[in-house]
Amino acid sequence: MLIDFKVRKDDFGYYVVAYRVVAGVETRWETCDAMARVLNLEPKDMSTFLADKFGGETETKNKRVHFATRAEAMVCRDGLRDLIPLAIETNNLYLPS
């Protein structure tokens, strides 16, 4: 897979990050702003999408949309994974080399 998602935890709860590994080096996009750039979206649209579609918090803390439980964050992670083929098909996936 060109890009994948994983669940992380900080002081505010669980959140989802995008990442990819190239030649053994992991590049991670941990904020809504960074993930939005990779998916060719506006940062506000990304946080609104995560809140509306997956039940994340509506007000971001440290530019991340947090979830109350790990299970909720895992549903979001899986939903974002499903979007990658569509992003590739519509040429909306931006991965700098």
Protein backbone atom coordinates (compact mmCIF):
# COMPACT_ATOMS: atom_id res chain seq x y z
CA MET A 1 0.00 0.00 0.00
CA LEU A 2 1.31 3.46 -0.85
CA ILE A 3 0.01 4.99 2.35
CA ASP A 4 -1.52 3.52 5.48
CA PHE A 5 -3.04 4.71 8.73
CA LYS A 6 -2.49 3.79 12.35
CA VAL A 7 -3.95 4.72 15.72
CA ARG A 8 -1.88 6.71 18.21
CA LYS A 9 -2.63 8.09 21.67
CA ASP A 10 -1.72 11.33 23.40
CA ASP A 11 -2.97 13.24 26.45
CA PHE A 12 -6.27 14.10 24.73
CA GLY A 13 -7.23 10.62 23.50
CA TYR A 14 -6.83 8.46 20.43
CA TYR A 15 -6.21 9.82 16.94
CA VAL A 16 -5.34 8.50 13.49
CA VAL A 17 -2.15 9.28 11.59
CA ALA A 18 -1.20 8.65 7.98
CA TYR A 19 2.18 7.14 7.21
CA ARG A 20 4.24 5.40 4.59
CA VAL A 21 7.53 3.55 4.61
CA VAL A 22 10.00 4.02 1.77
CA ALA A 23 13.37 2.27 1.85
CA GLY A 24 12.88 1.51 5.54
CA VAL A 25 12.20 5.14 6.49
CA GLU A 26 8.78 6.04 7.88
CA THR A 27 7.20 9.36 6.97
CA ARG A 28 4.28 10.28 9.21
CA TRP A 29 1.53 12.89 8.83
CA GLU A 30 0.08 13.34 12.32
CA THR A 31 -2.12 16.44 12.08
CA CYS A 32 -5.32 17.08 10.14
CA ASP A 33 -3.46 19.73 8.16
CA ALA A 34 -0.75 17.28 7.09
CA MET A 35 -3.18 14.45 6.27
CA ALA A 36 -5.35 16.89 4.32
CA ARG A 37 -2.39 17.88 2.14
CA VAL A 38 -1.66 14.23 1.35
CA LEU A 39 -5.31 13.63 0.41
CA ASN A 40 -5.58 16.93 -1.50
CA LEU A 41 -8.21 18.38 0.86
CA GLU A 42 -8.59 21.59 2.80
CA PRO A 43 -7.50 21.13 6.44
CA LYS A 44 -10.89 22.24 7.78
CA ASP A 45 -12.61 19.76 5.44
CA MET A 46 -10.45 16.95 6.80
CA SER A 47 -11.29 17.63 10.44
CA THR A 48 -14.98 18.09 9.62
CA PHE A 49 -14.99 14.82 7.66
CA LEU A 50 -13.38 12.90 10.53
CA ALA A 51 -15.84 14.37 13.02
CA ASP A 52 -18.97 13.87 10.89
CA LYS A 53 -18.17 10.51 9.31
CA PHE A 54 -16.40 8.78 12.18
CA GLY A 55 -17.62 10.55 15.33
CA GLY A 56 -14.42 12.33 16.26
CA GLU A 57 -14.38 15.50 18.32
CA THR A 58 -15.63 18.60 16.56
CA GLU A 59 -13.03 20.92 18.12
CA THR A 60 -9.50 19.76 17.41
CA LYS A 61 -6.79 19.81 20.02
CA ASN A 62 -3.22 20.17 18.77
CA LYS A 63 -4.60 19.99 15.19
CA ARG A 64 -5.71 16.37 15.63
CA VAL A 65 -9.23 14.95 15.72
CA HIS A 66 -9.43 12.76 18.81
CA PHE A 67 -11.70 9.83 19.57
CA ALA A 68 -12.95 8.75 22.97
CA THR A 69 -11.97 5.11 22.54
CA ARG A 70 -9.41 3.11 20.63
CA ALA A 71 -12.25 1.18 18.95
CA GLU A 72 -13.69 4.42 17.51
CA ALA A 73 -10.26 5.44 16.23
CA MET A 74 -9.82 2.00 14.63
CA VAL A 75 -13.11 2.42 12.73
CA CYS A 76 -11.79 5.76 11.44
CA ARG A 77 -8.45 4.16 10.50
CA ASP A 78 -10.22 1.44 8.52
CA GLY A 79 -12.50 3.98 6.82
CA LEU A 80 -9.53 6.08 5.75
CA ARG A 81 -7.82 2.98 4.38
CA ASP A 82 -10.87 2.41 2.18
CA LEU A 83 -10.48 5.94 0.75
CA ILE A 84 -6.96 5.42 -0.60
CA PRO A 85 -7.96 3.46 -3.73
CA LEU A 86 -10.51 6.18 -4.54
CA ALA A 87 -7.91 8.89 -3.97
CA ILE A 88 -5.53 7.10 -6.34
CA GLU A 89 -8.23 6.62 -8.96
CA THR A 90 -9.25 10.29 -8.88
CA ASN A 91 -5.63 11.48 -8.74
CA ASN A 92 -6.15 13.12 -5.34
CA LEU A 93 -3.31 11.42 -3.52
CA TYR A 94 -0.21 13.57 -3.20
CA LEU A 95 2.91 11.75 -2.09
CA PRO A 96 6.13 13.68 -2.64
CA SER A 97 9.04 11.53 -3.67
